[in-house]
Amino acid sequence: MSQELIAASSSSSLTQTHASQFLTIKLTSLNHLLWQAQLLPLLRSHNLTDHVSSSATTPSPTSNDGSPNPQYINWFRRDQLVLSWLFCSISEALLPQIIGLKIALEAWTKLETIFASGTRTQIQQLRKQLKRLSKGSNSIDTYMRHAKSISDQLAALQSAVHEDALINDILDGLGLEYRPFIRALEARNALVHYDDLYALLLSEETQLNVDKLSLEATIPPTAQVANKTTFNGYHGGQSSRGGHRGRREKSFVCLFVDS
């Protein structure tokens, strides 16, 4: 089969491809490389990466005899398809940056130029977020997915975090409740992968919840009520760290005894 027929067949199938099915991430001022990571596989799957490559050559619009060049006509059709994909995957705030550009490579190059300087800043911000991870009151599932999301964004920015570093950052953010777990894990002196840690932490979270319920069940209801004493400077379950004691306020409890 000739190259012209192959190209024509490919172009026919491309006209039925709806980019919205694949390009779910809109380009914003914060996700340029993540957006690229979404778009490039689509271009590769249709042999269209040459339309965003500066090393590719563009066919001449006319043949040697001056007639329209069929190869250029086919190339231009494919290029306009790629350009339309770029337009439909960009947020409205950024569209003015490429309005008026005629071919896909011009739009692609313009966007790379705009976002090149912001990539380093974004990487620094994401690395700081990893170092400041804190589970807080979140579930293990939410906490682990958040950590993985940051790691994935760094990978998309071509600044991947080593798995060992990710594991250490996750453990550092777990808090005091998980300190015995961390010590036991460190005592194993074995490499732990993210998926393994995820499963272990889910199991530990379940056990901690069971322990809390068991402890509450062993405390008599009257003891729980009588133990409610408030102090000035005490709030939210944590005492004030100032160098003074709060003034104690009396709490009255009424006990009813059947005669």
Protein backbone atom coordinates (compact mmCIF):
# COMPACT_ATOMS: atom_id res chain seq x y z
CA MET A 1 0.00 0.00 0.00
CA SER A 2 1.38 3.45 -0.90
CA GLN A 3 2.28 6.05 1.73
CA GLU A 4 -0.48 8.30 0.38
CA LEU A 5 -3.14 5.61 0.89
CA ILE A 6 -1.84 4.81 4.39
CA ALA A 7 -1.91 8.48 5.33
CA ALA A 8 -5.38 8.93 3.85
CA SER A 9 -6.69 5.93 5.75
CA SER A 10 -5.13 7.24 8.96
CA SER A 11 -6.63 10.67 8.45
CA SER A 12 -10.05 9.15 7.88
CA SER A 13 -9.89 7.30 11.19
CA LEU A 14 -8.56 10.38 12.99
CA THR A 15 -11.59 12.42 12.03
CA GLN A 16 -13.62 10.03 14.19
CA THR A 17 -11.37 10.52 17.22
CA HIS A 18 -12.85 12.81 19.85
CA ALA A 19 -10.05 14.27 21.99
CA SER A 20 -12.43 15.01 24.84
CA GLN A 21 -12.57 11.28 25.56
CA PHE A 22 -8.85 11.23 26.33
CA LEU A 23 -7.88 14.78 27.28
CA THR A 24 -9.62 15.12 30.63
CA ILE A 25 -6.97 17.43 32.12
CA LYS A 26 -7.21 21.04 30.98
CA LEU A 27 -3.96 22.97 30.76
CA THR A 28 -3.68 25.62 33.49
CA SER A 29 -0.80 27.72 34.79
CA LEU A 30 0.11 24.94 37.25
CA ASN A 31 0.04 21.66 35.32
CA HIS A 32 1.91 22.08 32.03
CA LEU A 33 4.04 18.91 32.20
CA LEU A 34 1.15 16.90 33.59
CA TRP A 35 -0.91 18.08 30.63
CA GLN A 36 1.91 17.09 28.27
CA ALA A 37 2.06 13.64 29.86
CA GLN A 38 -1.63 13.25 29.02
CA LEU A 39 -1.41 14.53 25.45
CA LEU A 40 1.78 12.86 24.15
CA PRO A 41 0.50 9.24 24.35
CA LEU A 42 -2.51 10.26 22.27
CA LEU A 43 -0.24 11.83 19.66
CA ARG A 44 2.06 8.80 19.62
CA SER A 45 -0.85 6.39 19.20
CA HIS A 46 -1.80 8.21 15.98
CA ASN A 47 1.75 8.87 14.73
CA LEU A 48 1.31 12.60 15.15
CA THR A 49 4.28 13.55 17.34
CA ASP A 50 6.08 15.02 14.33
CA HIS A 51 3.53 17.85 14.38
CA VAL A 52 4.90 19.05 17.74
CA SER A 53 8.57 18.28 17.03
CA SER A 54 10.93 21.00 15.84
CA SER A 55 13.10 18.38 14.11
CA ALA A 56 10.31 17.24 11.77
CA THR A 57 10.15 18.53 8.21
CA THR A 58 7.04 20.01 6.63
CA PRO A 59 6.15 18.92 3.06
CA SER A 60 6.20 21.56 0.38
CA PRO A 61 2.75 22.99 -0.41
CA THR A 62 3.31 22.44 -4.12
CA SER A 63 4.78 19.67 -6.26
CA ASN A 64 7.63 20.18 -8.72
CA ASP A 65 5.18 21.02 -11.48
CA GLY A 66 3.49 23.68 -9.37
CA SER A 67 0.37 21.66 -8.62
CA PRO A 68 -0.87 21.18 -5.04
CA ASN A 69 1.16 18.59 -3.19
CA PRO A 70 -1.09 15.73 -1.93
CA GLN A 71 1.38 15.01 0.87
CA TYR A 72 1.14 18.58 2.11
CA ILE A 73 -2.66 18.51 1.90
CA ASN A 74 -2.74 15.38 4.05
CA TRP A 75 -0.10 16.79 6.43
CA PHE A 76 -2.04 20.03 6.84
CA ARG A 77 -5.25 18.15 7.60
CA ARG A 78 -3.52 16.13 10.31
CA ASP A 79 -1.79 19.20 11.69
CA GLN A 80 -5.05 21.09 12.03
CA LEU A 81 -6.47 18.11 13.90
CA VAL A 82 -3.57 18.28 16.37
CA LEU A 83 -4.02 22.04 16.68
CA SER A 84 -7.71 21.52 17.47
CA TRP A 85 -6.73 19.00 20.18
CA LEU A 86 -4.46 21.63 21.72
CA PHE A 87 -7.23 24.20 21.69
CA CYS A 88 -9.81 21.90 23.27
CA SER A 89 -7.43 20.81 26.05
CA ILE A 90 -6.47 24.31 27.21
CA SER A 91 -8.30 26.34 29.83
CA GLU A 92 -10.08 29.48 28.64
CA ALA A 93 -7.64 31.67 30.56
CA LEU A 94 -4.73 30.41 28.43
CA LEU A 95 -6.42 30.26 25.03
CA PRO A 96 -5.50 33.87 24.15
CA GLN A 97 -1.83 32.84 24.30
CA ILE A 98 -2.17 30.71 21.15
CA ILE A 99 -5.07 32.35 19.35
CA GLY A 100 -4.00 33.25 15.81
CA LEU A 101 -1.25 30.63 15.50
CA LYS A 102 -1.63 28.65 12.30
CA ILE A 103 0.05 25.29 12.94
CA ALA A 104 0.35 22.92 15.89
CA LEU A 105 4.11 23.32 16.31
CA GLU A 106 3.78 27.07 16.77
CA ALA A 107 1.20 26.59 19.51
CA TRP A 108 3.20 23.81 21.18
CA THR A 109 6.42 25.86 21.17
CA LYS A 110 4.64 28.95 22.49
CA LEU A 111 3.23 26.99 25.44
CA GLU A 112 6.62 25.42 26.24
CA THR A 113 8.21 28.87 26.27
CA ILE A 114 5.53 30.27 28.58
CA PHE A 115 5.76 27.49 31.16
CA ALA A 116 9.47 26.69 31.13
CA SER A 117 10.28 29.18 33.90
CA GLY A 118 7.45 28.05 36.18
CA THR A 119 8.41 24.37 36.26
CA ARG A 120 11.27 24.73 38.75
CA THR A 121 9.09 26.71 41.16
CA GLN A 122 6.35 24.09 40.97
CA ILE A 123 8.84 21.30 41.70
CA GLN A 124 10.15 23.14 44.75
CA GLN A 125 6.62 23.68 46.08
CA LEU A 126 5.70 20.01 45.65
CA ARG A 127 8.89 18.83 47.39
CA LYS A 128 8.09 21.11 50.33
CA GLN A 129 4.60 19.61 50.51
CA LEU A 130 6.12 16.14 50.78
CA LYS A 131 8.42 17.22 53.60
CA ARG A 132 5.48 18.78 55.46
CA LEU A 133 3.13 15.81 55.18
CA SER A 134 0.86 15.40 58.19
CA LYS A 135 -1.82 12.79 58.63
CA GLY A 136 -3.70 14.78 61.25
CA SER A 137 -7.29 13.59 61.52
CA ASN A 138 -7.36 12.15 58.00
CA SER A 139 -7.80 8.46 57.36
CA ILE A 140 -4.84 6.39 56.22
CA ASP A 141 -6.46 6.01 52.82
CA THR A 142 -6.78 9.78 52.35
CA TYR A 143 -3.30 10.44 53.72
CA MET A 144 -1.58 7.85 51.52
CA ARG A 145 -3.41 8.92 48.36
CA HIS A 146 -2.42 12.53 49.02
CA ALA A 147 1.25 11.59 49.38
CA LYS A 148 1.12 9.49 46.21
CA SER A 149 -0.55 12.32 44.31
CA ILE A 150 2.31 14.68 45.13
CA SER A 151 4.85 12.04 44.14
CA ASP A 152 3.05 11.42 40.84
CA GLN A 153 3.01 15.14 40.05
CA LEU A 154 6.76 15.33 40.63
CA ALA A 155 7.27 12.34 38.34
CA ALA A 156 5.21 14.06 35.65
CA LEU A 157 7.45 17.10 36.07
CA GLN A 158 10.45 14.85 35.37
CA SER A 159 11.62 15.20 38.97
CA ALA A 160 10.65 11.82 40.39
CA VAL A 161 11.09 11.13 44.10
CA HIS A 162 12.86 7.91 45.04
CA GLU A 163 10.52 5.46 46.74
CA ASP A 164 12.69 5.33 49.87
CA ALA A 165 12.41 9.11 50.25
CA LEU A 166 8.64 8.96 49.77
CA ILE A 167 8.33 6.24 52.43
CA ASN A 168 10.38 8.29 54.90
CA ASP A 169 8.27 11.40 54.32
CA ILE A 170 5.07 9.37 54.84
CA LEU A 171 6.34 7.87 58.09
CA ASP A 172 7.48 11.26 59.38
CA GLY A 173 3.97 12.65 58.95
CA LEU A 174 2.05 9.88 60.73
CA GLY A 175 2.24 11.37 64.23
CA LEU A 176 2.71 9.97 67.76
CA GLU A 177 -0.13 7.45 67.51
CA TYR A 178 1.85 5.45 64.96
CA ARG A 179 5.26 5.70 66.65
CA PRO A 180 5.20 2.05 67.89
CA PHE A 181 4.35 0.96 64.34
CA ILE A 182 7.23 3.00 62.92
CA ARG A 183 9.69 1.54 65.44
CA ALA A 184 8.58 -1.99 64.63
CA LEU A 185 8.93 -1.27 60.93
CA GLU A 186 12.43 0.14 61.39
CA ALA A 187 13.42 -2.88 63.49
CA ARG A 188 12.71 -5.15 60.52
CA ASN A 189 15.56 -3.43 58.65
CA ALA A 190 13.97 -4.42 55.34
CA LEU A 191 13.02 -2.45 52.25
CA VAL A 192 9.35 -1.47 52.27
CA HIS A 193 7.53 -0.52 49.08
CA TYR A 194 4.68 1.98 48.91
CA ASP A 195 1.99 -0.63 48.25
CA ASP A 196 3.23 -2.79 51.13
CA LEU A 197 3.29 0.19 53.49
CA TYR A 198 -0.21 1.15 52.38
CA ALA A 199 -1.54 -2.30 53.31
CA LEU A 200 0.34 -2.38 56.64
CA LEU A 201 -0.94 1.05 57.64
CA LEU A 202 -4.53 0.16 56.79
CA SER A 203 -4.21 -2.88 59.03
CA GLU A 204 -2.63 -0.79 61.81
CA GLU A 205 -5.39 1.81 61.54
CA THR A 206 -8.03 -0.90 61.92
CA GLN A 207 -6.27 -2.33 64.98
CA LEU A 208 -5.96 1.10 66.60
CA ASN A 209 -9.67 1.71 66.12
CA VAL A 210 -10.49 -1.67 67.65
CA ASP A 211 -8.24 -0.91 70.63
CA LYS A 212 -9.98 2.42 71.19
CA LEU A 213 -13.40 0.81 71.16
CA SER A 214 -12.24 -1.91 73.57
CA LEU A 215 -10.82 0.69 75.96
CA GLU A 216 -14.02 2.73 75.94
CA ALA A 217 -16.06 -0.39 76.62
CA THR A 218 -14.07 -1.18 79.81
CA ILE A 219 -14.77 2.25 81.39
CA PRO A 220 -18.03 2.31 83.47
CA PRO A 221 -20.50 4.97 82.29
CA THR A 222 -20.51 6.68 85.74
CA ALA A 223 -16.73 6.94 85.63
CA GLN A 224 -16.88 8.52 82.21
CA VAL A 225 -19.36 11.15 83.44
CA ALA A 226 -17.57 11.87 86.73
CA ASN A 227 -14.28 12.28 84.91
CA LYS A 228 -15.49 15.30 82.97
CA THR A 229 -13.58 18.12 84.65
CA THR A 230 -12.65 21.26 82.80
CA PHE A 231 -9.63 23.48 83.26
CA ASN A 232 -8.88 26.95 82.05
CA GLY A 233 -6.13 26.71 79.44
CA TYR A 234 -7.30 23.24 78.33
CA HIS A 235 -8.95 22.96 74.94
CA GLY A 236 -9.51 20.36 72.24
CA GLY A 237 -7.96 17.50 74.23
CA GLN A 238 -4.51 19.14 74.52
CA SER A 239 -3.32 21.17 77.52
CA SER A 240 -1.81 24.59 77.14
CA ARG A 241 1.99 24.54 77.00
CA GLY A 242 2.33 27.75 79.02
CA GLY A 243 4.28 27.84 82.27
CA HIS A 244 1.17 28.08 84.49
CA ARG A 245 -1.70 25.87 85.60
CA GLY A 246 -5.26 26.67 84.66
CA ARG A 247 -7.79 27.49 87.40
CA ARG A 248 -9.92 24.45 88.09
CA GLU A 249 -13.64 24.77 87.65
CA LYS A 250 -15.91 22.36 89.46
CA SER A 251 -18.21 20.08 87.51
CA PHE A 252 -21.33 18.88 89.31
CA VAL A 253 -22.59 15.38 88.62
CA CYS A 254 -25.97 14.16 89.80
CA LEU A 255 -26.16 10.48 90.69
CA PHE A 256 -29.57 8.82 91.06
CA VAL A 257 -29.78 5.75 93.32
CA ASP A 258 -32.85 3.58 93.47
CA SER A 259 -34.15 3.14 97.01
